[in-house]
Every structure is written in C-alpha cells, then in structure tokens.
Amino acid sequence: MKDLEVKLIAELMKNSRRSDRELAKALDVSQPTVTRTRQRLEKEGTIKEYTMIPNFQELGFQIMAVIFFKLTHTLSPREVEEMHKESRRMEKENPTTFLLAMNGIGMREDAMVISFFRNYSEYAEYMRRAKEDAMKRLKPYVDAESIEGFLINLEEGTHYLPITFSRIAANLRKTKD
C-alpha cells in the first residue's frame, strides 16, 4: 500500500467527517488527489464504511461481553454456511447487539462474539439461551460446554484505553512518516 493511501486511511480513522479539502491540507497534497485516492480505496473495498464510535454507556449498555466458544470440528464451507444461517435465525428470535463475530485461534477456542448488554441479567439470559441453542440447534457445530464470557464494565473512567480508532491511526501515521 502506498504511503499516501495509509496516511489518508489514518486521517479518516481519526475523523471520517473531514472534507477532502481538509484532508488534503493535513496530508500536504491536492484535494483532487485525495478525492481520487479515497474513491479508489472505497471502490477496492479497502475503505469499507464510515462510522463513529458512540459512548455505549450513554446508549444504555453497561456491559460488553467477549464470548468464546469451541467448534466441534473443522467445518466445511457448507457447514459454515449452515451454521451462519441458523445463527441468523436465532438472532432474529432473540435480538442482541453484536459488534463482532469471528472465527480464530487461541485460548483453546475457535470463535468469539462481542456483544453489548444493558445489564448483567440480560447477559445471563443471553448466555443461557446461547448454551441451550448450542445444545439443540447448533449441536453439530458448537461445543455448548465451551461457551464462556469475559465481561467488560462500560462505566466511564474504568478502562486504561477505551475503544477508539485514533490510536491505530496514530500508529499507522508513525510507520509512514
């Protein structure tokens, strides 16, 4: 990736509401160069979306949970699609605010979900349903006994570094300056 592209992405991560003119000034290039580069990065899918990070507590969430689980075996592409379909059906029946759901490796687990909850009771009910659904509807794919959560209190002032993309952006700029 070219230096200008990385620097542009870093600037957009800090504040995606800035105009191309403001970005051009920050990057010391012309506004048409920023516009062309940004549009190309959007078209290529390097820039997936523009968003903001809210104060989750102000939205009524007290808990962010990182929920880990183990798959019963390495899933085939067809099984992955079936598990995703069933998961989407379950989510429609029991809506939960998800930030992320990913497969991965580590901590003796295969996958994780990050969700937000208004209180501990809502989290506990979600976990009860998740284990029940894993035993009934996702049994071929998910080890229900492995489902565990790590809870994060969203109260302001309780975290060393809250959720933000500005730190990632600053690091990207350091590597390209």
C-alpha atoms as a PDB file:
ATOM      1  CA  MET A   1       0.000   0.000   0.000  1.00  0.00           C
ATOM      2  CA  LYS A   2       1.332   3.435  -0.893  1.00  0.00           C
ATOM      3  CA  ASP A   3       2.307   5.918   1.824  1.00  0.00           C
ATOM      4  CA  LEU A   4      -0.413   8.380   0.769  1.00  0.00           C
ATOM      5  CA  GLU A   5      -3.084   5.668   0.997  1.00  0.00           C
ATOM      6  CA  VAL A   6      -2.031   4.662   4.516  1.00  0.00           C
ATOM      7  CA  LYS A   7      -1.831   8.293   5.639  1.00  0.00           C
ATOM      8  CA  LEU A   8      -5.276   9.016   4.160  1.00  0.00           C
ATOM      9  CA  ILE A   9      -6.780   5.999   5.914  1.00  0.00           C
ATOM     10  CA  ALA A  10      -5.143   7.091   9.181  1.00  0.00           C
ATOM     11  CA  GLU A  11      -6.605  10.584   8.850  1.00  0.00           C
ATOM     12  CA  LEU A  12     -10.077   9.174   8.080  1.00  0.00           C
ATOM     13  CA  MET A  13      -9.842   6.844  11.095  1.00  0.00           C
ATOM     14  CA  LYS A  14      -9.204   9.867  13.312  1.00  0.00           C
ATOM     15  CA  ASN A  15     -12.180  11.744  11.885  1.00  0.00           C
ATOM     16  CA  SER A  16     -14.137  10.465   8.871  1.00  0.00           C
ATOM     17  CA  ARG A  17     -16.271  13.620   8.736  1.00  0.00           C
ATOM     18  CA  ARG A  18     -13.434  15.769   7.389  1.00  0.00           C
ATOM     19  CA  SER A  19     -13.779  17.116   3.871  1.00  0.00           C
ATOM     20  CA  ASP A  20     -11.378  16.166   1.104  1.00  0.00           C
ATOM     21  CA  ARG A  21     -10.073  19.738   1.248  1.00  0.00           C
ATOM     22  CA  GLU A  22      -9.262  19.402   4.977  1.00  0.00           C
ATOM     23  CA  LEU A  23      -7.670  16.005   4.382  1.00  0.00           C
ATOM     24  CA  ALA A  24      -5.566  17.398   1.525  1.00  0.00           C
ATOM     25  CA  LYS A  25      -4.260  20.132   3.804  1.00  0.00           C
ATOM     26  CA  ALA A  26      -3.385  17.617   6.545  1.00  0.00           C
ATOM     27  CA  LEU A  27      -1.627  15.355   4.017  1.00  0.00           C
ATOM     28  CA  ASP A  28       0.037  18.192   2.073  1.00  0.00           C
ATOM     29  CA  VAL A  29      -1.402  17.056  -1.280  1.00  0.00           C
ATOM     30  CA  SER A  30      -4.048  18.454  -3.620  1.00  0.00           C
ATOM     31  CA  GLN A  31      -7.762  17.996  -2.966  1.00  0.00           C
ATOM     32  CA  PRO A  32      -8.300  16.149  -6.302  1.00  0.00           C
ATOM     33  CA  THR A  33      -5.540  13.700  -5.302  1.00  0.00           C
ATOM     34  CA  VAL A  34      -7.345  12.985  -2.013  1.00  0.00           C
ATOM     35  CA  THR A  35     -10.712  12.601  -3.779  1.00  0.00           C
ATOM     36  CA  ARG A  36      -9.317  10.183  -6.395  1.00  0.00           C
ATOM     37  CA  THR A  37      -7.425   8.157  -3.788  1.00  0.00           C
ATOM     38  CA  ARG A  38     -10.374   7.968  -1.404  1.00  0.00           C
ATOM     39  CA  GLN A  39     -12.798   6.941  -4.180  1.00  0.00           C
ATOM     40  CA  ARG A  40     -10.397   4.238  -5.409  1.00  0.00           C
ATOM     41  CA  LEU A  41      -9.931   2.873  -1.870  1.00  0.00           C
ATOM     42  CA  GLU A  42     -13.725   2.770  -1.445  1.00  0.00           C
ATOM     43  CA  LYS A  43     -14.211   1.008  -4.794  1.00  0.00           C
ATOM     44  CA  GLU A  44     -11.487  -1.559  -3.993  1.00  0.00           C
ATOM     45  CA  GLY A  45     -13.060  -2.239  -0.589  1.00  0.00           C
ATOM     46  CA  THR A  46     -10.067  -1.015   1.432  1.00  0.00           C
ATOM     47  CA  ILE A  47     -12.392   1.573   2.965  1.00  0.00           C
ATOM     48  CA  LYS A  48     -15.451  -0.466   3.936  1.00  0.00           C
ATOM     49  CA  GLU A  49     -17.577   2.139   5.713  1.00  0.00           C
ATOM     50  CA  TYR A  50     -17.561   5.443   7.539  1.00  0.00           C
ATOM     51  CA  THR A  51     -18.766   5.355  11.091  1.00  0.00           C
ATOM     52  CA  MET A  52     -18.317   6.711  14.577  1.00  0.00           C
ATOM     53  CA  ILE A  53     -17.830   5.151  17.984  1.00  0.00           C
ATOM     54  CA  PRO A  54     -20.530   6.154  20.469  1.00  0.00           C
ATOM     55  CA  ASN A  55     -20.407   6.282  24.220  1.00  0.00           C
ATOM     56  CA  PHE A  56     -22.024   2.869  24.750  1.00  0.00           C
ATOM     57  CA  GLN A  57     -22.981   3.674  28.329  1.00  0.00           C
ATOM     58  CA  GLU A  58     -24.964   6.709  27.128  1.00  0.00           C
ATOM     59  CA  LEU A  59     -26.860   4.312  24.843  1.00  0.00           C
ATOM     60  CA  GLY A  60     -27.872   2.263  27.885  1.00  0.00           C
ATOM     61  CA  PHE A  61     -25.262  -0.506  27.767  1.00  0.00           C
ATOM     62  CA  GLN A  62     -23.447  -1.408  30.990  1.00  0.00           C
ATOM     63  CA  ILE A  63     -21.594  -4.495  29.774  1.00  0.00           C
ATOM     64  CA  MET A  64     -19.571  -5.516  26.764  1.00  0.00           C
ATOM     65  CA  ALA A  65     -19.023  -9.272  26.659  1.00  0.00           C
ATOM     66  CA  VAL A  66     -16.397 -11.183  24.739  1.00  0.00           C
ATOM     67  CA  ILE A  67     -17.897 -14.654  24.389  1.00  0.00           C
ATOM     68  CA  PHE A  68     -15.638 -17.532  23.364  1.00  0.00           C
ATOM     69  CA  PHE A  69     -16.646 -20.968  22.132  1.00  0.00           C
ATOM     70  CA  LYS A  70     -15.194 -24.065  20.538  1.00  0.00           C
ATOM     71  CA  LEU A  71     -16.388 -25.727  17.363  1.00  0.00           C
ATOM     72  CA  THR A  72     -16.978 -29.475  17.409  1.00  0.00           C
ATOM     73  CA  HIS A  73     -14.681 -29.962  14.405  1.00  0.00           C
ATOM     74  CA  THR A  74     -13.196 -28.084  11.455  1.00  0.00           C
ATOM     75  CA  LEU A  75     -16.255 -27.060   9.480  1.00  0.00           C
ATOM     76  CA  SER A  76     -16.593 -27.497   5.750  1.00  0.00           C
ATOM     77  CA  PRO A  77     -17.691 -24.443   3.720  1.00  0.00           C
ATOM     78  CA  ARG A  78     -21.213 -25.919   3.544  1.00  0.00           C
ATOM     79  CA  GLU A  79     -21.304 -26.420   7.333  1.00  0.00           C
ATOM     80  CA  VAL A  80     -20.065 -22.869   7.902  1.00  0.00           C
ATOM     81  CA  GLU A  81     -22.904 -21.541   5.742  1.00  0.00           C
ATOM     82  CA  GLU A  82     -25.445 -23.731   7.574  1.00  0.00           C
ATOM     83  CA  MET A  83     -24.169 -22.549  10.956  1.00  0.00           C
ATOM     84  CA  HIS A  84     -24.377 -18.919   9.789  1.00  0.00           C
ATOM     85  CA  LYS A  85     -27.950 -19.403   8.556  1.00  0.00           C
ATOM     86  CA  GLU A  86     -29.016 -20.975  11.843  1.00  0.00           C
ATOM     87  CA  SER A  87     -27.231 -18.235  13.812  1.00  0.00           C
ATOM     88  CA  ARG A  88     -29.079 -15.534  11.829  1.00  0.00           C
ATOM     89  CA  ARG A  89     -32.413 -17.275  12.531  1.00  0.00           C
ATOM     90  CA  MET A  90     -31.573 -17.425  16.236  1.00  0.00           C
ATOM     91  CA  GLU A  91     -30.574 -13.744  16.254  1.00  0.00           C
ATOM     92  CA  LYS A  92     -33.944 -12.764  14.740  1.00  0.00           C
ATOM     93  CA  GLU A  93     -35.723 -14.671  17.504  1.00  0.00           C
ATOM     94  CA  ASN A  94     -33.528 -13.211  20.264  1.00  0.00           C
ATOM     95  CA  PRO A  95     -32.011  -9.912  19.096  1.00  0.00           C
ATOM     96  CA  THR A  96     -28.729  -8.923  20.698  1.00  0.00           C
ATOM     97  CA  THR A  97     -26.442  -6.003  19.910  1.00  0.00           C
ATOM     98  CA  PHE A  98     -23.369  -7.534  18.243  1.00  0.00           C
ATOM     99  CA  LEU A  99     -20.155  -5.740  17.439  1.00  0.00           C
ATOM    100  CA  LEU A 100     -18.247  -8.666  16.016  1.00  0.00           C
ATOM    101  CA  ALA A 101     -18.441 -12.407  15.407  1.00  0.00           C
ATOM    102  CA  MET A 102     -15.266 -14.081  14.158  1.00  0.00           C
ATOM    103  CA  ASN A 103     -13.503 -17.412  13.842  1.00  0.00           C
ATOM    104  CA  GLY A 104      -9.954 -17.507  15.098  1.00  0.00           C
ATOM    105  CA  ILE A 105      -7.479 -19.406  17.171  1.00  0.00           C
ATOM    106  CA  GLY A 106      -6.240 -19.121  20.749  1.00  0.00           C
ATOM    107  CA  MET A 107      -7.169 -19.751  24.360  1.00  0.00           C
ATOM    108  CA  ARG A 108      -8.264 -23.257  23.299  1.00  0.00           C
ATOM    109  CA  GLU A 109     -11.232 -21.681  21.483  1.00  0.00           C
ATOM    110  CA  ASP A 110     -12.200 -21.385  17.812  1.00  0.00           C
ATOM    111  CA  ALA A 111     -14.564 -18.434  17.680  1.00  0.00           C
ATOM    112  CA  MET A 112     -15.718 -15.355  19.530  1.00  0.00           C
ATOM    113  CA  VAL A 113     -18.580 -12.901  19.647  1.00  0.00           C
ATOM    114  CA  ILE A 114     -18.517  -9.393  21.094  1.00  0.00           C
ATOM    115  CA  SER A 115     -21.928  -8.232  22.327  1.00  0.00           C
ATOM    116  CA  PHE A 116     -23.381  -5.381  24.358  1.00  0.00           C
ATOM    117  CA  PHE A 117     -25.862  -5.775  27.205  1.00  0.00           C
ATOM    118  CA  ARG A 118     -27.898  -3.318  29.254  1.00  0.00           C
ATOM    119  CA  ASN A 119     -27.212  -5.208  32.484  1.00  0.00           C
ATOM    120  CA  TYR A 120     -25.944  -8.475  33.930  1.00  0.00           C
ATOM    121  CA  SER A 121     -29.406 -10.093  33.859  1.00  0.00           C
ATOM    122  CA  GLU A 122     -29.653  -9.501  30.106  1.00  0.00           C
ATOM    123  CA  TYR A 123     -26.184 -11.030  29.649  1.00  0.00           C
ATOM    124  CA  ALA A 124     -27.031 -14.047  31.841  1.00  0.00           C
ATOM    125  CA  GLU A 125     -30.241 -14.671  29.872  1.00  0.00           C
ATOM    126  CA  TYR A 126     -28.329 -14.413  26.588  1.00  0.00           C
ATOM    127  CA  MET A 127     -25.742 -16.944  27.804  1.00  0.00           C
ATOM    128  CA  ARG A 128     -28.488 -19.323  28.977  1.00  0.00           C
ATOM    129  CA  ARG A 129     -30.152 -19.149  25.550  1.00  0.00           C
ATOM    130  CA  ALA A 130     -26.816 -19.440  23.726  1.00  0.00           C
ATOM    131  CA  LYS A 131     -25.943 -22.645  25.561  1.00  0.00           C
ATOM    132  CA  GLU A 132     -29.448 -24.017  25.069  1.00  0.00           C
ATOM    133  CA  ASP A 133     -29.375 -23.181  21.339  1.00  0.00           C
ATOM    134  CA  ALA A 134     -25.890 -24.666  21.003  1.00  0.00           C
ATOM    135  CA  MET A 135     -27.110 -27.916  22.527  1.00  0.00           C
ATOM    136  CA  LYS A 136     -30.219 -28.069  20.319  1.00  0.00           C
ATOM    137  CA  ARG A 137     -29.789 -26.124  17.099  1.00  0.00           C
ATOM    138  CA  LEU A 138     -26.012 -25.767  16.714  1.00  0.00           C
ATOM    139  CA  LYS A 139     -25.022 -29.126  18.224  1.00  0.00           C
ATOM    140  CA  PRO A 140     -23.320 -30.357  15.032  1.00  0.00           C
ATOM    141  CA  TYR A 141     -21.073 -27.275  15.032  1.00  0.00           C
ATOM    142  CA  VAL A 142     -20.634 -25.760  18.512  1.00  0.00           C
ATOM    143  CA  ASP A 143     -19.463 -27.384  21.751  1.00  0.00           C
ATOM    144  CA  ALA A 144     -22.093 -25.975  24.141  1.00  0.00           C
ATOM    145  CA  GLU A 145     -19.934 -26.768  27.193  1.00  0.00           C
ATOM    146  CA  SER A 146     -17.164 -24.495  25.901  1.00  0.00           C
ATOM    147  CA  ILE A 147     -19.207 -21.263  25.795  1.00  0.00           C
ATOM    148  CA  GLU A 148     -17.663 -18.724  28.184  1.00  0.00           C
ATOM    149  CA  GLY A 149     -17.775 -14.961  28.509  1.00  0.00           C
ATOM    150  CA  PHE A 150     -15.370 -12.240  29.586  1.00  0.00           C
ATOM    151  CA  LEU A 151     -17.286  -9.199  30.840  1.00  0.00           C
ATOM    152  CA  ILE A 152     -16.181  -5.588  30.491  1.00  0.00           C
ATOM    153  CA  ASN A 153     -17.772  -2.851  32.580  1.00  0.00           C
ATOM    154  CA  LEU A 154     -18.523   0.074  30.238  1.00  0.00           C
ATOM    155  CA  GLU A 155     -18.626   2.670  33.019  1.00  0.00           C
ATOM    156  CA  GLU A 156     -16.580   5.734  32.050  1.00  0.00           C
ATOM    157  CA  GLY A 157     -13.206   6.028  33.730  1.00  0.00           C
ATOM    158  CA  THR A 158     -12.819   2.304  34.457  1.00  0.00           C
ATOM    159  CA  HIS A 159     -10.598   1.469  31.460  1.00  0.00           C
ATOM    160  CA  TYR A 160      -6.987   2.012  30.677  1.00  0.00           C
ATOM    161  CA  LEU A 161      -7.723   2.621  26.974  1.00  0.00           C
ATOM    162  CA  PRO A 162     -11.339   2.865  25.774  1.00  0.00           C
ATOM    163  CA  ILE A 163     -12.480   1.795  22.281  1.00  0.00           C
ATOM    164  CA  THR A 164     -11.174   4.191  19.627  1.00  0.00           C
ATOM    165  CA  PHE A 165      -9.558   4.077  16.206  1.00  0.00           C
ATOM    166  CA  SER A 166      -7.425   7.175  16.833  1.00  0.00           C
ATOM    167  CA  ARG A 167      -4.628   5.107  18.441  1.00  0.00           C
ATOM    168  CA  ILE A 168      -4.495   2.790  15.415  1.00  0.00           C
ATOM    169  CA  ALA A 169      -4.452   5.826  13.132  1.00  0.00           C
ATOM    170  CA  ALA A 170      -1.597   7.407  15.099  1.00  0.00           C
ATOM    171  CA  ASN A 171       0.399   4.184  14.835  1.00  0.00           C
ATOM    172  CA  LEU A 172      -0.219   3.987  11.070  1.00  0.00           C
ATOM    173  CA  ARG A 173       0.991   7.561  10.650  1.00  0.00           C
ATOM    174  CA  LYS A 174       4.147   6.843  12.698  1.00  0.00           C
ATOM    175  CA  THR A 175       5.063   3.929  10.435  1.00  0.00           C
ATOM    176  CA  LYS A 176       4.630   6.049   7.277  1.00  0.00           C
ATOM    177  CA  ASP A 177       6.140   9.382   8.432  1.00  0.00           C
END
